[in-house]
Amino acid sequence: MSESHPRGPVPRTPREEVRRRLLTVAMRVFAERGYAESRLEDIAHAAGFTKGAVYSNFGSKQGLFGAVLAERASTELTTVMAEVRDTEDLATAAGRAAQVVARRIVDDTERGRLGLEFAALAARDEQARTVLTPLRREQRAAAARSLADAAEHTGTRLAISPDLAALILHCLTNGLSMEHLADAEAVNADAVEKAISAVIAALFAPTQNN
C-alpha cells in the first residue's frame, strides 16, 4: 500500500488577481449580454470563482458593473494623457486628445450602450444610483485635474473653472456617444473628432503677457 502524504493548504489567489479576473470576464459578459441579462453566477464561474467572490470584492452586481465602467474610463484617460504629455502646443494637444476619444466612441460602441443602459437604470434604481453618482463625480474630477495640467503644460489658461470645463466635456462625450449609436453615418469619427477639438479649443484662452 502506498503511503499517502498530507497535502498542504491550497494557496489563496491574491485579492488583486481575483478582482482582475472578475473584471476581465465581466467586461466581456456585460458587453455580450447587456447589464440586465448578465448573471453574476456566470461571470464568477467563467473567472474560476464562486458568486461570493463577486460580493466580497464588489458588493453587488451594480458595484461590479460600476467597476467595469470605471476601469474603461481610467484606461481612456491614461491613453489621452500619454498622447498629449510631451505636447506643448494647445492645438496639437487638443487634436490628439480628440482623436483618442473619437476612436473610443466609434470603436467601442459596447461601452456606450452599457453606459446608457446603466444610466437609465440609475434613474429609477437607488442602488444603481449610489454606484453611478460617485463614479461620474470621480470621472469629472479626474478630467478637471487633467485639464488644469494641460493648461499649465501648454502655457495657456482655462476660460472657465476646471470643474465646469470637465462637466462640459463629460456631457459632450456622453452625448456624442449617444448620437453615434443613433446615427453612426452622420456622427462618424471625423464629426466626433471635430466636435471635441472645437470645444476643447473654446475652453482655453491664451495666457496674457504683462
N, C-alpha and C. Protein backbone atom coordinates (compact mmCIF):
# COMPACT_ATOMS: atom_id res chain seq x y z
N MET A 1 0.86 -1.19 0.00
CA MET A 1 0.00 0.00 0.00
C MET A 1 0.89 1.24 0.00
N SER A 2 0.62 2.11 -0.88
CA SER A 2 1.44 3.32 -0.94
C SER A 2 1.09 4.25 0.20
N GLU A 3 2.09 4.90 0.69
CA GLU A 3 1.88 5.81 1.82
C GLU A 3 1.36 7.15 1.30
N SER A 4 0.29 7.59 1.90
CA SER A 4 -0.27 8.88 1.49
C SER A 4 0.44 9.99 2.25
N HIS A 5 0.61 11.08 1.58
CA HIS A 5 1.27 12.23 2.20
C HIS A 5 0.26 13.36 2.33
N PRO A 6 0.21 13.98 3.47
CA PRO A 6 -0.74 15.09 3.65
C PRO A 6 -0.40 16.23 2.70
N ARG A 7 -1.41 16.81 2.13
CA ARG A 7 -1.21 17.94 1.23
C ARG A 7 -1.31 19.24 2.01
N GLY A 8 -0.49 20.18 1.62
CA GLY A 8 -0.55 21.48 2.27
C GLY A 8 -1.77 22.26 1.81
N PRO A 9 -2.02 23.37 2.44
CA PRO A 9 -3.18 24.19 2.05
C PRO A 9 -3.02 24.74 0.63
N VAL A 10 -4.13 24.82 -0.05
CA VAL A 10 -4.11 25.37 -1.41
C VAL A 10 -3.88 26.88 -1.31
N PRO A 11 -2.89 27.40 -2.01
CA PRO A 11 -2.62 28.84 -1.92
C PRO A 11 -3.84 29.65 -2.34
N ARG A 12 -4.13 30.67 -1.58
CA ARG A 12 -5.26 31.54 -1.91
C ARG A 12 -4.86 32.51 -3.01
N THR A 13 -5.76 32.69 -3.97
CA THR A 13 -5.50 33.65 -5.05
C THR A 13 -5.46 35.06 -4.48
N PRO A 14 -4.41 35.83 -4.78
CA PRO A 14 -4.35 37.20 -4.26
C PRO A 14 -5.59 38.00 -4.64
N ARG A 15 -5.99 38.88 -3.76
CA ARG A 15 -7.23 39.65 -3.97
C ARG A 15 -7.19 40.45 -5.26
N GLU A 16 -6.05 41.07 -5.55
CA GLU A 16 -5.96 41.86 -6.78
C GLU A 16 -6.11 40.99 -8.02
N GLU A 17 -5.61 39.76 -7.96
CA GLU A 17 -5.77 38.84 -9.08
C GLU A 17 -7.23 38.43 -9.24
N VAL A 18 -7.92 38.22 -8.12
CA VAL A 18 -9.35 37.88 -8.16
C VAL A 18 -10.12 39.01 -8.83
N ARG A 19 -9.86 40.23 -8.39
CA ARG A 19 -10.55 41.39 -8.97
C ARG A 19 -10.26 41.52 -10.46
N ARG A 20 -9.00 41.34 -10.82
CA ARG A 20 -8.62 41.49 -12.22
C ARG A 20 -9.34 40.47 -13.09
N ARG A 21 -9.37 39.21 -12.64
CA ARG A 21 -10.03 38.16 -13.43
C ARG A 21 -11.53 38.38 -13.51
N LEU A 22 -12.14 38.79 -12.41
CA LEU A 22 -13.58 39.06 -12.43
C LEU A 22 -13.90 40.22 -13.36
N LEU A 23 -13.10 41.28 -13.31
CA LEU A 23 -13.34 42.43 -14.17
C LEU A 23 -13.18 42.07 -15.64
N THR A 24 -12.15 41.29 -15.96
CA THR A 24 -11.91 40.89 -17.35
C THR A 24 -13.10 40.13 -17.91
N VAL A 25 -13.59 39.15 -17.13
CA VAL A 25 -14.74 38.36 -17.59
C VAL A 25 -15.99 39.22 -17.63
N ALA A 26 -16.18 40.06 -16.61
CA ALA A 26 -17.37 40.89 -16.55
C ALA A 26 -17.46 41.83 -17.74
N MET A 27 -16.33 42.39 -18.17
CA MET A 27 -16.33 43.27 -19.34
C MET A 27 -16.88 42.54 -20.56
N ARG A 28 -16.43 41.30 -20.73
CA ARG A 28 -16.88 40.52 -21.88
C ARG A 28 -18.35 40.13 -21.77
N VAL A 29 -18.76 39.66 -20.61
CA VAL A 29 -20.15 39.20 -20.43
C VAL A 29 -21.12 40.36 -20.53
N PHE A 30 -20.83 41.45 -19.86
CA PHE A 30 -21.72 42.62 -19.94
C PHE A 30 -21.83 43.12 -21.37
N ALA A 31 -20.70 43.13 -22.10
CA ALA A 31 -20.72 43.59 -23.49
C ALA A 31 -21.54 42.68 -24.37
N GLU A 32 -21.46 41.37 -24.13
CA GLU A 32 -22.19 40.41 -24.96
C GLU A 32 -23.69 40.38 -24.66
N ARG A 33 -24.05 40.48 -23.37
CA ARG A 33 -25.44 40.27 -22.96
C ARG A 33 -26.16 41.52 -22.50
N GLY A 34 -25.41 42.59 -22.22
CA GLY A 34 -26.02 43.75 -21.61
C GLY A 34 -26.10 43.57 -20.10
N TYR A 35 -26.36 44.65 -19.41
CA TYR A 35 -26.38 44.60 -17.94
C TYR A 35 -27.51 43.71 -17.43
N ALA A 36 -28.71 43.92 -17.91
CA ALA A 36 -29.88 43.23 -17.36
C ALA A 36 -29.80 41.72 -17.52
N GLU A 37 -29.26 41.24 -18.65
CA GLU A 37 -29.26 39.82 -18.93
C GLU A 37 -28.00 39.10 -18.42
N SER A 38 -27.08 39.82 -17.85
CA SER A 38 -25.86 39.20 -17.34
C SER A 38 -26.10 38.68 -15.93
N ARG A 39 -25.58 37.49 -15.64
CA ARG A 39 -25.76 36.88 -14.32
C ARG A 39 -24.42 36.77 -13.60
N LEU A 40 -24.44 37.12 -12.32
CA LEU A 40 -23.21 37.04 -11.54
C LEU A 40 -22.67 35.63 -11.47
N GLU A 41 -23.56 34.64 -11.43
CA GLU A 41 -23.11 33.24 -11.39
C GLU A 41 -22.25 32.90 -12.60
N ASP A 42 -22.70 33.36 -13.77
CA ASP A 42 -21.97 33.06 -15.00
C ASP A 42 -20.62 33.77 -15.02
N ILE A 43 -20.59 35.03 -14.57
CA ILE A 43 -19.34 35.79 -14.55
C ILE A 43 -18.35 35.14 -13.59
N ALA A 44 -18.81 34.82 -12.40
CA ALA A 44 -17.93 34.21 -11.40
C ALA A 44 -17.40 32.86 -11.87
N HIS A 45 -18.28 32.04 -12.43
CA HIS A 45 -17.87 30.71 -12.89
C HIS A 45 -16.83 30.81 -14.01
N ALA A 46 -17.06 31.71 -14.95
CA ALA A 46 -16.11 31.86 -16.07
C ALA A 46 -14.75 32.35 -15.59
N ALA A 47 -14.75 33.11 -14.48
CA ALA A 47 -13.48 33.61 -13.94
C ALA A 47 -12.81 32.60 -13.02
N GLY A 48 -13.53 31.50 -12.69
CA GLY A 48 -12.96 30.47 -11.83
C GLY A 48 -13.24 30.65 -10.36
N PHE A 49 -14.32 31.41 -10.03
CA PHE A 49 -14.63 31.66 -8.63
C PHE A 49 -16.12 31.41 -8.38
N THR A 50 -16.53 31.56 -7.13
CA THR A 50 -17.94 31.48 -6.77
C THR A 50 -18.54 32.88 -6.79
N LYS A 51 -19.87 32.93 -6.72
CA LYS A 51 -20.53 34.23 -6.72
C LYS A 51 -20.13 35.05 -5.50
N GLY A 52 -19.77 34.35 -4.42
CA GLY A 52 -19.33 35.06 -3.22
C GLY A 52 -18.13 35.95 -3.46
N ALA A 53 -17.28 35.56 -4.41
CA ALA A 53 -16.10 36.37 -4.72
C ALA A 53 -16.50 37.72 -5.31
N VAL A 54 -17.61 37.72 -6.06
CA VAL A 54 -18.10 38.98 -6.61
C VAL A 54 -18.57 39.89 -5.49
N TYR A 55 -19.35 39.34 -4.58
CA TYR A 55 -19.89 40.15 -3.48
C TYR A 55 -18.78 40.65 -2.56
N SER A 56 -17.77 39.81 -2.30
CA SER A 56 -16.71 40.23 -1.38
C SER A 56 -15.80 41.29 -1.99
N ASN A 57 -15.73 41.33 -3.31
CA ASN A 57 -14.86 42.29 -3.98
C ASN A 57 -15.58 43.53 -4.49
N PHE A 58 -16.85 43.37 -4.88
CA PHE A 58 -17.56 44.49 -5.50
C PHE A 58 -18.89 44.82 -4.83
N GLY A 59 -19.33 43.99 -3.91
CA GLY A 59 -20.52 44.31 -3.14
C GLY A 59 -21.84 43.93 -3.76
N SER A 60 -21.95 44.04 -5.07
CA SER A 60 -23.21 43.79 -5.75
C SER A 60 -22.98 43.75 -7.25
N LYS A 61 -24.02 43.39 -7.99
CA LYS A 61 -23.94 43.43 -9.44
C LYS A 61 -23.73 44.86 -9.91
N GLN A 62 -24.42 45.80 -9.26
CA GLN A 62 -24.25 47.21 -9.62
C GLN A 62 -22.81 47.66 -9.37
N GLY A 63 -22.23 47.20 -8.25
CA GLY A 63 -20.85 47.56 -7.93
C GLY A 63 -19.87 47.00 -8.93
N LEU A 64 -20.10 45.76 -9.37
CA LEU A 64 -19.23 45.16 -10.38
C LEU A 64 -19.33 45.92 -11.70
N PHE A 65 -20.53 46.27 -12.08
CA PHE A 65 -20.72 46.99 -13.34
C PHE A 65 -20.07 48.37 -13.26
N GLY A 66 -20.23 49.03 -12.12
CA GLY A 66 -19.59 50.33 -11.94
C GLY A 66 -18.08 50.23 -12.04
N ALA A 67 -17.52 49.15 -11.50
CA ALA A 67 -16.07 48.94 -11.58
C ALA A 67 -15.62 48.73 -13.02
N VAL A 68 -16.43 48.04 -13.81
CA VAL A 68 -16.12 47.84 -15.22
C VAL A 68 -16.08 49.19 -15.94
N LEU A 69 -17.10 50.03 -15.72
CA LEU A 69 -17.13 51.34 -16.36
C LEU A 69 -15.95 52.20 -15.90
N ALA A 70 -15.63 52.13 -14.60
CA ALA A 70 -14.52 52.92 -14.07
C ALA A 70 -13.20 52.49 -14.68
N GLU A 71 -13.01 51.18 -14.85
CA GLU A 71 -11.77 50.66 -15.43
C GLU A 71 -11.60 51.16 -16.86
N ARG A 72 -12.66 51.14 -17.62
CA ARG A 72 -12.56 51.56 -19.02
C ARG A 72 -12.34 53.07 -19.13
N ALA A 73 -12.99 53.83 -18.24
CA ALA A 73 -12.80 55.27 -18.25
C ALA A 73 -11.38 55.64 -17.85
N SER A 74 -10.84 54.93 -16.86
CA SER A 74 -9.47 55.18 -16.42
C SER A 74 -8.47 54.87 -17.53
N THR A 75 -8.72 53.79 -18.25
CA THR A 75 -7.84 53.42 -19.36
C THR A 75 -7.85 54.50 -20.44
N GLU A 76 -9.04 55.01 -20.73
CA GLU A 76 -9.15 56.05 -21.75
C GLU A 76 -8.40 57.31 -21.33
N LEU A 77 -8.57 57.75 -20.07
CA LEU A 77 -7.90 58.96 -19.61
C LEU A 77 -6.38 58.78 -19.63
N THR A 78 -5.92 57.61 -19.22
CA THR A 78 -4.48 57.33 -19.25
C THR A 78 -3.95 57.41 -20.68
N THR A 79 -4.71 56.88 -21.63
CA THR A 79 -4.30 56.92 -23.03
C THR A 79 -4.25 58.35 -23.55
N VAL A 80 -5.26 59.14 -23.20
CA VAL A 80 -5.29 60.54 -23.63
C VAL A 80 -4.09 61.30 -23.09
N MET A 81 -3.81 61.14 -21.79
CA MET A 81 -2.72 61.87 -21.18
C MET A 81 -1.37 61.44 -21.76
N ALA A 82 -1.24 60.16 -22.10
CA ALA A 82 0.01 59.69 -22.72
C ALA A 82 0.21 60.33 -24.08
N GLU A 83 -0.89 60.56 -24.80
CA GLU A 83 -0.80 61.15 -26.14
C GLU A 83 -0.37 62.61 -26.09
N VAL A 84 -0.77 63.34 -25.05
CA VAL A 84 -0.52 64.78 -25.01
C VAL A 84 0.59 65.17 -24.05
N ARG A 85 1.18 64.19 -23.36
CA ARG A 85 2.14 64.50 -22.29
C ARG A 85 3.31 65.35 -22.78
N ASP A 86 3.82 65.06 -23.96
CA ASP A 86 5.01 65.76 -24.46
C ASP A 86 4.66 66.87 -25.45
N THR A 87 3.40 67.25 -25.48
CA THR A 87 2.96 68.27 -26.43
C THR A 87 2.77 69.60 -25.73
N GLU A 88 3.46 70.64 -26.20
CA GLU A 88 3.37 71.96 -25.58
C GLU A 88 2.46 72.90 -26.37
N ASP A 89 2.03 72.46 -27.53
CA ASP A 89 1.13 73.29 -28.35
C ASP A 89 -0.31 72.88 -28.09
N LEU A 90 -1.16 73.84 -27.73
CA LEU A 90 -2.54 73.54 -27.35
C LEU A 90 -3.32 72.90 -28.49
N ALA A 91 -3.18 73.44 -29.71
CA ALA A 91 -3.94 72.91 -30.83
C ALA A 91 -3.57 71.45 -31.11
N THR A 92 -2.29 71.16 -31.04
CA THR A 92 -1.84 69.77 -31.27
C THR A 92 -2.34 68.86 -30.17
N ALA A 93 -2.26 69.32 -28.93
CA ALA A 93 -2.74 68.51 -27.80
C ALA A 93 -4.23 68.25 -27.91
N ALA A 94 -4.99 69.29 -28.27
CA ALA A 94 -6.43 69.14 -28.40
C ALA A 94 -6.77 68.16 -29.51
N GLY A 95 -6.04 68.24 -30.62
CA GLY A 95 -6.28 67.32 -31.73
C GLY A 95 -6.00 65.88 -31.37
N ARG A 96 -4.90 65.66 -30.66
CA ARG A 96 -4.56 64.29 -30.27
C ARG A 96 -5.57 63.73 -29.27
N ALA A 97 -5.95 64.56 -28.30
CA ALA A 97 -6.94 64.11 -27.32
C ALA A 97 -8.26 63.78 -28.01
N ALA A 98 -8.66 64.63 -28.94
CA ALA A 98 -9.91 64.40 -29.65
C ALA A 98 -9.87 63.11 -30.47
N GLN A 99 -8.72 62.82 -31.07
CA GLN A 99 -8.58 61.58 -31.84
C GLN A 99 -8.77 60.35 -30.96
N VAL A 100 -8.15 60.37 -29.78
CA VAL A 100 -8.26 59.22 -28.87
C VAL A 100 -9.70 59.00 -28.45
N VAL A 101 -10.37 60.07 -28.04
CA VAL A 101 -11.74 59.94 -27.56
C VAL A 101 -12.68 59.56 -28.69
N ALA A 102 -12.46 60.14 -29.87
CA ALA A 102 -13.30 59.80 -31.01
C ALA A 102 -13.18 58.33 -31.38
N ARG A 103 -11.96 57.79 -31.35
CA ARG A 103 -11.77 56.37 -31.64
C ARG A 103 -12.51 55.51 -30.62
N ARG A 104 -12.45 55.92 -29.36
CA ARG A 104 -13.14 55.16 -28.32
C ARG A 104 -14.65 55.17 -28.55
N ILE A 105 -15.20 56.33 -28.89
CA ILE A 105 -16.64 56.43 -29.09
C ILE A 105 -17.09 55.59 -30.28
N VAL A 106 -16.33 55.63 -31.36
CA VAL A 106 -16.72 54.93 -32.58
C VAL A 106 -16.39 53.44 -32.53
N ASP A 107 -15.24 53.11 -31.97
CA ASP A 107 -14.80 51.71 -31.97
C ASP A 107 -15.34 50.90 -30.81
N ASP A 108 -15.67 51.55 -29.70
CA ASP A 108 -16.13 50.83 -28.50
C ASP A 108 -17.59 51.19 -28.23
N THR A 109 -18.45 50.84 -29.18
CA THR A 109 -19.87 51.18 -29.02
C THR A 109 -20.52 50.38 -27.89
N GLU A 110 -19.94 49.22 -27.54
CA GLU A 110 -20.49 48.44 -26.43
C GLU A 110 -20.46 49.26 -25.15
N ARG A 111 -19.36 49.98 -24.94
CA ARG A 111 -19.27 50.80 -23.74
C ARG A 111 -20.35 51.87 -23.73
N GLY A 112 -20.59 52.47 -24.89
CA GLY A 112 -21.65 53.48 -24.97
C GLY A 112 -23.01 52.91 -24.64
N ARG A 113 -23.31 51.74 -25.16
CA ARG A 113 -24.60 51.11 -24.89
C ARG A 113 -24.73 50.75 -23.42
N LEU A 114 -23.66 50.21 -22.85
CA LEU A 114 -23.71 49.82 -21.45
C LEU A 114 -23.85 51.04 -20.54
N GLY A 115 -23.16 52.12 -20.88
CA GLY A 115 -23.28 53.34 -20.10
C GLY A 115 -24.70 53.89 -20.12
N LEU A 116 -25.31 53.89 -21.28
CA LEU A 116 -26.69 54.35 -21.39
C LEU A 116 -27.64 53.44 -20.61
N GLU A 117 -27.41 52.15 -20.71
CA GLU A 117 -28.27 51.20 -20.01
C GLU A 117 -28.20 51.40 -18.50
N PHE A 118 -26.98 51.60 -18.00
CA PHE A 118 -26.82 51.75 -16.55
C PHE A 118 -27.34 53.10 -16.09
N ALA A 119 -27.16 54.14 -16.89
CA ALA A 119 -27.70 55.46 -16.52
C ALA A 119 -29.22 55.42 -16.45
N ALA A 120 -29.84 54.72 -17.40
CA ALA A 120 -31.30 54.59 -17.37
C ALA A 120 -31.75 53.82 -16.14
N LEU A 121 -31.00 52.79 -15.78
CA LEU A 121 -31.31 52.02 -14.58
C LEU A 121 -31.18 52.88 -13.33
N ALA A 122 -30.10 53.67 -13.28
CA ALA A 122 -29.85 54.51 -12.10
C ALA A 122 -30.93 55.56 -11.90
N ALA A 123 -31.59 55.95 -12.99
CA ALA A 123 -32.65 56.95 -12.88
C ALA A 123 -33.83 56.45 -12.06
N ARG A 124 -33.98 55.13 -11.96
CA ARG A 124 -35.13 54.58 -11.22
C ARG A 124 -34.73 53.57 -10.15
N ASP A 125 -33.43 53.32 -10.00
CA ASP A 125 -32.96 52.33 -9.04
C ASP A 125 -31.94 52.98 -8.11
N GLU A 126 -32.29 53.07 -6.82
CA GLU A 126 -31.44 53.78 -5.86
C GLU A 126 -30.08 53.12 -5.71
N GLN A 127 -30.03 51.80 -5.70
CA GLN A 127 -28.75 51.11 -5.52
C GLN A 127 -27.81 51.37 -6.71
N ALA A 128 -28.37 51.37 -7.90
CA ALA A 128 -27.55 51.68 -9.07
C ALA A 128 -27.07 53.13 -9.02
N ARG A 129 -27.93 54.01 -8.53
CA ARG A 129 -27.56 55.43 -8.45
C ARG A 129 -26.43 55.65 -7.45
N THR A 130 -26.42 54.89 -6.35
CA THR A 130 -25.34 55.05 -5.37
C THR A 130 -24.00 54.60 -5.93
N VAL A 131 -24.01 53.79 -6.97
CA VAL A 131 -22.78 53.38 -7.66
C VAL A 131 -22.41 54.40 -8.74
N LEU A 132 -23.40 54.81 -9.53
CA LEU A 132 -23.12 55.67 -10.69
C LEU A 132 -22.73 57.09 -10.28
N THR A 133 -23.38 57.65 -9.28
CA THR A 133 -23.13 59.05 -8.91
C THR A 133 -21.68 59.29 -8.51
N PRO A 134 -21.11 58.54 -7.57
CA PRO A 134 -19.69 58.78 -7.24
C PRO A 134 -18.75 58.45 -8.39
N LEU A 135 -19.12 57.49 -9.23
CA LEU A 135 -18.29 57.16 -10.39
C LEU A 135 -18.22 58.35 -11.33
N ARG A 136 -19.35 58.94 -11.65
CA ARG A 136 -19.37 60.09 -12.55
C ARG A 136 -18.63 61.28 -11.93
N ARG A 137 -18.79 61.47 -10.63
CA ARG A 137 -18.10 62.58 -9.97
C ARG A 137 -16.59 62.41 -10.05
N GLU A 138 -16.12 61.19 -9.85
CA GLU A 138 -14.68 60.94 -9.92
C GLU A 138 -14.17 61.11 -11.34
N GLN A 139 -14.95 60.70 -12.33
CA GLN A 139 -14.55 60.89 -13.72
C GLN A 139 -14.41 62.37 -14.05
N ARG A 140 -15.37 63.17 -13.59
CA ARG A 140 -15.30 64.61 -13.84
C ARG A 140 -14.13 65.25 -13.09
N ALA A 141 -13.88 64.79 -11.87
CA ALA A 141 -12.76 65.33 -11.09
C ALA A 141 -11.43 65.01 -11.77
N ALA A 142 -11.30 63.78 -12.27
CA ALA A 142 -10.07 63.39 -12.96
C ALA A 142 -9.89 64.22 -14.23
N ALA A 143 -10.99 64.45 -14.95
CA ALA A 143 -10.92 65.28 -16.15
C ALA A 143 -10.53 66.72 -15.81
N ALA A 144 -11.06 67.24 -14.70
CA ALA A 144 -10.73 68.60 -14.28
C ALA A 144 -9.24 68.73 -13.96
N ARG A 145 -8.70 67.72 -13.27
CA ARG A 145 -7.26 67.75 -12.96
C ARG A 145 -6.43 67.70 -14.24
N SER A 146 -6.86 66.87 -15.18
CA SER A 146 -6.13 66.74 -16.44
C SER A 146 -6.17 68.03 -17.25
N LEU A 147 -7.32 68.70 -17.27
CA LEU A 147 -7.44 69.96 -17.99
C LEU A 147 -6.55 71.04 -17.37
N ALA A 148 -6.52 71.08 -16.04
CA ALA A 148 -5.66 72.05 -15.37
C ALA A 148 -4.20 71.78 -15.67
N ASP A 149 -3.83 70.51 -15.67
CA ASP A 149 -2.44 70.14 -16.00
C ASP A 149 -2.11 70.52 -17.45
N ALA A 150 -3.07 70.30 -18.35
CA ALA A 150 -2.83 70.62 -19.76
C ALA A 150 -2.64 72.12 -19.95
N ALA A 151 -3.43 72.91 -19.22
CA ALA A 151 -3.29 74.37 -19.32
C ALA A 151 -1.90 74.81 -18.87
N GLU A 152 -1.45 74.25 -17.77
CA GLU A 152 -0.12 74.61 -17.27
C GLU A 152 0.97 74.16 -18.23
N HIS A 153 0.82 72.97 -18.78
CA HIS A 153 1.85 72.41 -19.64
C HIS A 153 1.95 73.16 -20.97
N THR A 154 0.83 73.65 -21.48
CA THR A 154 0.83 74.33 -22.78
C THR A 154 0.94 75.85 -22.64
N GLY A 155 1.08 76.35 -21.42
CA GLY A 155 1.22 77.78 -21.23
C GLY A 155 -0.03 78.56 -21.54
N THR A 156 -1.19 77.95 -21.33
CA THR A 156 -2.46 78.62 -21.57
C THR A 156 -3.24 78.65 -20.25
N ARG A 157 -4.46 79.12 -20.32
CA ARG A 157 -5.33 79.07 -19.16
C ARG A 157 -6.73 78.69 -19.61
N LEU A 158 -7.45 78.07 -18.69
CA LEU A 158 -8.84 77.74 -18.99
C LEU A 158 -9.69 79.00 -18.91
N ALA A 159 -10.64 79.13 -19.82
CA ALA A 159 -11.52 80.29 -19.82
C ALA A 159 -12.55 80.21 -18.71
N ILE A 160 -12.78 79.03 -18.17
CA ILE A 160 -13.71 78.81 -17.07
C ILE A 160 -13.01 77.90 -16.06
N SER A 161 -13.70 77.59 -14.98
CA SER A 161 -13.08 76.74 -13.96
C SER A 161 -12.85 75.33 -14.50
N PRO A 162 -11.83 74.64 -13.99
CA PRO A 162 -11.59 73.26 -14.43
C PRO A 162 -12.79 72.35 -14.21
N ASP A 163 -13.50 72.54 -13.11
CA ASP A 163 -14.66 71.69 -12.84
C ASP A 163 -15.77 71.90 -13.88
N LEU A 164 -16.01 73.16 -14.24
CA LEU A 164 -17.04 73.43 -15.24
C LEU A 164 -16.60 72.94 -16.61
N ALA A 165 -15.33 73.13 -16.94
CA ALA A 165 -14.82 72.64 -18.23
C ALA A 165 -14.94 71.12 -18.31
N ALA A 166 -14.63 70.45 -17.21
CA ALA A 166 -14.75 68.99 -17.18
C ALA A 166 -16.20 68.55 -17.35
N LEU A 167 -17.12 69.26 -16.72
CA LEU A 167 -18.54 68.93 -16.86
C LEU A 167 -18.99 69.06 -18.31
N ILE A 168 -18.56 70.12 -18.97
CA ILE A 168 -18.94 70.33 -20.37
C ILE A 168 -18.40 69.20 -21.25
N LEU A 169 -17.12 68.86 -21.08
CA LEU A 169 -16.54 67.78 -21.90
C LEU A 169 -17.17 66.43 -21.58
N HIS A 170 -17.48 66.21 -20.32
CA HIS A 170 -18.11 64.95 -19.92
C HIS A 170 -19.47 64.80 -20.60
N CYS A 171 -20.26 65.87 -20.55
CA CYS A 171 -21.58 65.83 -21.19
C CYS A 171 -21.45 65.73 -22.71
N LEU A 172 -20.46 66.41 -23.27
CA LEU A 172 -20.26 66.36 -24.72
C LEU A 172 -19.94 64.94 -25.18
N THR A 173 -18.98 64.30 -24.52
CA THR A 173 -18.58 62.96 -24.97
C THR A 173 -19.71 61.95 -24.78
N ASN A 174 -20.45 62.08 -23.67
CA ASN A 174 -21.59 61.18 -23.48
C ASN A 174 -22.65 61.42 -24.55
N GLY A 175 -22.89 62.68 -24.87
CA GLY A 175 -23.88 62.99 -25.90
C GLY A 175 -23.45 62.51 -27.27
N LEU A 176 -22.17 62.68 -27.60
CA LEU A 176 -21.67 62.21 -28.89
C LEU A 176 -21.75 60.69 -28.99
N SER A 177 -21.49 60.01 -27.88
CA SER A 177 -21.61 58.55 -27.87
C SER A 177 -23.04 58.14 -28.17
N MET A 178 -24.00 58.83 -27.56
CA MET A 178 -25.41 58.52 -27.79
C MET A 178 -25.80 58.80 -29.24
N GLU A 179 -25.35 59.93 -29.77
CA GLU A 179 -25.69 60.28 -31.14
C GLU A 179 -25.05 59.34 -32.15
N HIS A 180 -23.84 58.89 -31.86
CA HIS A 180 -23.20 57.92 -32.75
C HIS A 180 -23.98 56.60 -32.77
N LEU A 181 -24.47 56.18 -31.63
CA LEU A 181 -25.27 54.96 -31.58
C LEU A 181 -26.55 55.12 -32.40
N ALA A 182 -27.12 56.32 -32.37
CA ALA A 182 -28.38 56.56 -33.09
C ALA A 182 -28.17 56.80 -34.57
N ASP A 183 -27.03 57.40 -34.95
CA ASP A 183 -26.80 57.76 -36.35
C ASP A 183 -25.30 57.70 -36.64
N ALA A 184 -24.79 56.49 -36.78
CA ALA A 184 -23.35 56.30 -36.96
C ALA A 184 -22.85 56.90 -38.28
N GLU A 185 -23.71 56.99 -39.29
CA GLU A 185 -23.27 57.50 -40.58
C GLU A 185 -22.97 58.99 -40.50
N ALA A 186 -23.84 59.75 -39.86
CA ALA A 186 -23.64 61.19 -39.78
C ALA A 186 -22.69 61.57 -38.65
N VAL A 187 -22.84 60.93 -37.51
CA VAL A 187 -21.98 61.22 -36.36
C VAL A 187 -20.84 60.20 -36.38
N ASN A 188 -19.97 60.36 -37.37
CA ASN A 188 -18.87 59.41 -37.56
C ASN A 188 -17.62 59.89 -36.82
N ALA A 189 -16.53 59.18 -36.99
CA ALA A 189 -15.30 59.51 -36.27
C ALA A 189 -14.83 60.92 -36.57
N ASP A 190 -14.93 61.34 -37.84
CA ASP A 190 -14.48 62.67 -38.22
C ASP A 190 -15.32 63.75 -37.55
N ALA A 191 -16.64 63.56 -37.54
CA ALA A 191 -17.53 64.55 -36.92
C ALA A 191 -17.30 64.62 -35.42
N VAL A 192 -17.13 63.47 -34.79
CA VAL A 192 -16.89 63.43 -33.35
C VAL A 192 -15.58 64.12 -33.00
N GLU A 193 -14.54 63.82 -33.77
CA GLU A 193 -13.23 64.43 -33.51
C GLU A 193 -13.28 65.94 -33.66
N LYS A 194 -13.96 66.43 -34.69
CA LYS A 194 -14.05 67.88 -34.92
C LYS A 194 -14.83 68.55 -33.79
N ALA A 195 -15.90 67.92 -33.34
CA ALA A 195 -16.71 68.50 -32.27
C ALA A 195 -15.90 68.61 -30.98
N ILE A 196 -15.18 67.56 -30.65
CA ILE A 196 -14.39 67.58 -29.42
C ILE A 196 -13.26 68.60 -29.51
N SER A 197 -12.58 68.64 -30.65
CA SER A 197 -11.49 69.60 -30.84
C SER A 197 -11.99 71.03 -30.71
N ALA A 198 -13.15 71.32 -31.29
CA ALA A 198 -13.70 72.67 -31.25
C ALA A 198 -14.03 73.09 -29.82
N VAL A 199 -14.61 72.19 -29.07
CA VAL A 199 -14.99 72.52 -27.70
C VAL A 199 -13.75 72.68 -26.82
N ILE A 200 -12.77 71.79 -26.97
CA ILE A 200 -11.55 71.93 -26.19
C ILE A 200 -10.89 73.28 -26.47
N ALA A 201 -10.81 73.65 -27.74
CA ALA A 201 -10.20 74.94 -28.10
C ALA A 201 -10.97 76.10 -27.47
N ALA A 202 -12.29 75.99 -27.42
CA ALA A 202 -13.11 77.07 -26.85
C ALA A 202 -12.97 77.17 -25.34
N LEU A 203 -12.56 76.08 -24.71
CA LEU A 203 -12.44 76.09 -23.25
C LEU A 203 -11.15 76.75 -22.76
N PHE A 204 -10.20 76.95 -23.67
CA PHE A 204 -8.92 77.52 -23.30
C PHE A 204 -8.80 78.93 -23.87
N ALA A 205 -8.01 79.76 -23.18
CA ALA A 205 -7.71 81.10 -23.66
C ALA A 205 -6.22 81.33 -23.50
N PRO A 206 -5.59 82.08 -24.42
CA PRO A 206 -4.14 82.32 -24.31
C PRO A 206 -3.81 83.06 -23.03
N THR A 207 -2.65 82.75 -22.47
CA THR A 207 -2.18 83.48 -21.29
C THR A 207 -1.75 84.89 -21.69
N GLN A 208 -2.26 85.87 -20.98
CA GLN A 208 -1.93 87.27 -21.32
C GLN A 208 -0.58 87.63 -20.70
N ASN A 209 0.28 88.21 -21.52
CA ASN A 209 1.59 88.66 -21.03
C ASN A 209 1.46 90.07 -20.44
N ASN A 210 2.07 90.26 -19.30
CA ASN A 210 2.03 91.58 -18.69
C ASN A 210 3.09 92.50 -19.30
